Amino acid sequence: MATTLTLKNIPDDVYRRLKAAAEAHRRSLNGEAIVCLESVLLPGRISPAERVARARAMRATLPRSKFKLRDIDAMKREGRRDRG
């Protein structure tokens, strides 16, 4: 059975973002709030092995990189030195 929930003192920024998302998805504010809550509180559960398999399948669809792992690591280290 569905339950009614009243929210009070919603920050203005949160309200504006919820309203914009509801409009973009063609939902009511209530419907958008429910979808947001479900996505956070009831995430789909997948095993670590399935997550790795999905990542590998996605990576296989990408074009081959001209960079080698050692080049990427070197660029990361260089970027860290430039920040500090």
C-alpha atoms as a PDB file:
ATOM      1  CA  MET A   1       0.000   0.000   0.000  1.00  0.00           C
ATOM      2  CA  ALA A   2       1.345   3.448  -0.926  1.00  0.00           C
ATOM      3  CA  THR A   3       2.123   5.914   1.825  1.00  0.00           C
ATOM      4  CA  THR A   4       1.929   9.701   1.735  1.00  0.00           C
ATOM      5  CA  LEU A   5       5.038  11.681   2.639  1.00  0.00           C
ATOM      6  CA  THR A   6       5.179  15.442   3.168  1.00  0.00           C
ATOM      7  CA  LEU A   7       8.549  17.146   2.813  1.00  0.00           C
ATOM      8  CA  LYS A   8       9.258  20.415   4.591  1.00  0.00           C
ATOM      9  CA  ASN A   9      12.112  22.900   4.402  1.00  0.00           C
ATOM     10  CA  ILE A  10      13.396  21.710   1.022  1.00  0.00           C
ATOM     11  CA  PRO A  11      16.375  23.886   0.051  1.00  0.00           C
ATOM     12  CA  ASP A  12      15.580  26.205  -2.859  1.00  0.00           C
ATOM     13  CA  ASP A  13      18.348  24.740  -5.047  1.00  0.00           C
ATOM     14  CA  VAL A  14      17.089  21.197  -4.499  1.00  0.00           C
ATOM     15  CA  TYR A  15      13.532  22.247  -5.316  1.00  0.00           C
ATOM     16  CA  ARG A  16      14.608  24.021  -8.516  1.00  0.00           C
ATOM     17  CA  ARG A  17      16.624  21.025  -9.675  1.00  0.00           C
ATOM     18  CA  LEU A  18      13.797  18.613  -8.885  1.00  0.00           C
ATOM     19  CA  LYS A  19      11.319  20.808 -10.731  1.00  0.00           C
ATOM     20  CA  ALA A  20      13.604  21.106 -13.772  1.00  0.00           C
ATOM     21  CA  ALA A  21      14.176  17.343 -13.813  1.00  0.00           C
ATOM     22  CA  ALA A  22      10.435  16.706 -13.550  1.00  0.00           C
ATOM     23  CA  GLU A  23       9.786  18.998 -16.504  1.00  0.00           C
ATOM     24  CA  ALA A  24      12.580  17.422 -18.545  1.00  0.00           C
ATOM     25  CA  HIS A  25      11.235  13.921 -17.872  1.00  0.00           C
ATOM     26  CA  ARG A  26       7.598  15.033 -18.273  1.00  0.00           C
ATOM     27  CA  ARG A  27       6.707  13.954 -14.748  1.00  0.00           C
ATOM     28  CA  SER A  28       4.992  15.570 -11.823  1.00  0.00           C
ATOM     29  CA  LEU A  29       7.152  16.756  -8.937  1.00  0.00           C
ATOM     30  CA  ASN A  30       5.828  13.835  -6.918  1.00  0.00           C
ATOM     31  CA  GLY A  31       6.681  11.351  -9.669  1.00  0.00           C
ATOM     32  CA  GLU A  32      10.184  12.759 -10.092  1.00  0.00           C
ATOM     33  CA  ALA A  33      10.785  12.672  -6.322  1.00  0.00           C
ATOM     34  CA  ILE A  34       9.742   9.011  -6.231  1.00  0.00           C
ATOM     35  CA  VAL A  35      12.059   8.130  -9.129  1.00  0.00           C
ATOM     36  CA  CYS A  36      14.947   9.959  -7.416  1.00  0.00           C
ATOM     37  CA  LEU A  37      14.335   8.193  -4.118  1.00  0.00           C
ATOM     38  CA  GLU A  38      14.045   4.785  -5.820  1.00  0.00           C
ATOM     39  CA  SER A  39      17.283   5.278  -7.737  1.00  0.00           C
ATOM     40  CA  VAL A  40      19.158   5.995  -4.507  1.00  0.00           C
ATOM     41  CA  LEU A  41      17.436   3.629  -2.112  1.00  0.00           C
ATOM     42  CA  LEU A  42      16.698   0.700  -4.421  1.00  0.00           C
ATOM     43  CA  PRO A  43      19.686   0.482  -6.742  1.00  0.00           C
ATOM     44  CA  GLY A  44      19.950  -2.527  -9.001  1.00  0.00           C
ATOM     45  CA  ARG A  45      22.293  -5.087  -7.533  1.00  0.00           C
ATOM     46  CA  ILE A  46      24.871  -6.668  -9.794  1.00  0.00           C
ATOM     47  CA  SER A  47      27.743  -8.881  -8.801  1.00  0.00           C
ATOM     48  CA  PRO A  48      31.328  -7.610  -8.995  1.00  0.00           C
ATOM     49  CA  ALA A  49      31.996 -10.179 -11.736  1.00  0.00           C
ATOM     50  CA  GLU A  50      29.067  -8.829 -13.782  1.00  0.00           C
ATOM     51  CA  ARG A  51      30.290  -5.254 -13.277  1.00  0.00           C
ATOM     52  CA  VAL A  52      33.761  -6.223 -14.537  1.00  0.00           C
ATOM     53  CA  ALA A  53      32.252  -8.083 -17.497  1.00  0.00           C
ATOM     54  CA  ARG A  54      30.188  -5.018 -18.437  1.00  0.00           C
ATOM     55  CA  ALA A  55      33.228  -2.741 -18.152  1.00  0.00           C
ATOM     56  CA  ARG A  56      35.287  -5.057 -20.365  1.00  0.00           C
ATOM     57  CA  ALA A  57      32.508  -5.283 -22.950  1.00  0.00           C
ATOM     58  CA  MET A  58      32.198  -1.493 -22.991  1.00  0.00           C
ATOM     59  CA  ARG A  59      35.955  -1.064 -23.282  1.00  0.00           C
ATOM     60  CA  ALA A  60      36.030  -3.511 -26.202  1.00  0.00           C
ATOM     61  CA  THR A  61      33.741  -1.191 -28.188  1.00  0.00           C
ATOM     62  CA  LEU A  62      36.103   1.769 -27.848  1.00  0.00           C
ATOM     63  CA  PRO A  63      38.703   2.522 -30.493  1.00  0.00           C
ATOM     64  CA  ARG A  64      42.220   1.444 -29.672  1.00  0.00           C
ATOM     65  CA  SER A  65      44.168   4.098 -27.821  1.00  0.00           C
ATOM     66  CA  LYS A  66      47.491   5.261 -29.152  1.00  0.00           C
ATOM     67  CA  PHE A  67      48.660   5.585 -25.538  1.00  0.00           C
ATOM     68  CA  LYS A  68      50.158   2.736 -23.598  1.00  0.00           C
ATOM     69  CA  LEU A  69      49.450   2.279 -19.889  1.00  0.00           C
ATOM     70  CA  ARG A  70      52.923   3.519 -18.953  1.00  0.00           C
ATOM     71  CA  ASP A  71      52.305   6.698 -21.006  1.00  0.00           C
ATOM     72  CA  ILE A  72      49.010   7.309 -19.224  1.00  0.00           C
ATOM     73  CA  ASP A  73      50.631   6.772 -15.814  1.00  0.00           C
ATOM     74  CA  ALA A  74      53.406   9.217 -16.741  1.00  0.00           C
ATOM     75  CA  MET A  75      50.841  11.839 -17.816  1.00  0.00           C
ATOM     76  CA  LYS A  76      48.954  11.408 -14.545  1.00  0.00           C
ATOM     77  CA  ARG A  77      52.137  11.898 -12.536  1.00  0.00           C
ATOM     78  CA  GLU A  78      53.045  14.969 -14.610  1.00  0.00           C
ATOM     79  CA  GLY A  79      49.572  16.415 -14.043  1.00  0.00           C
ATOM     80  CA  ARG A  80      49.906  15.979 -10.294  1.00  0.00           C
ATOM     81  CA  ARG A  81      53.212  17.847 -10.288  1.00  0.00           C
ATOM     82  CA  ASP A  82      51.701  20.733 -12.283  1.00  0.00           C
ATOM     83  CA  ARG A  83      48.931  21.268  -9.703  1.00  0.00           C
ATOM     84  CA  GLY A  84      51.079  21.707  -6.682  1.00  0.00           C
END
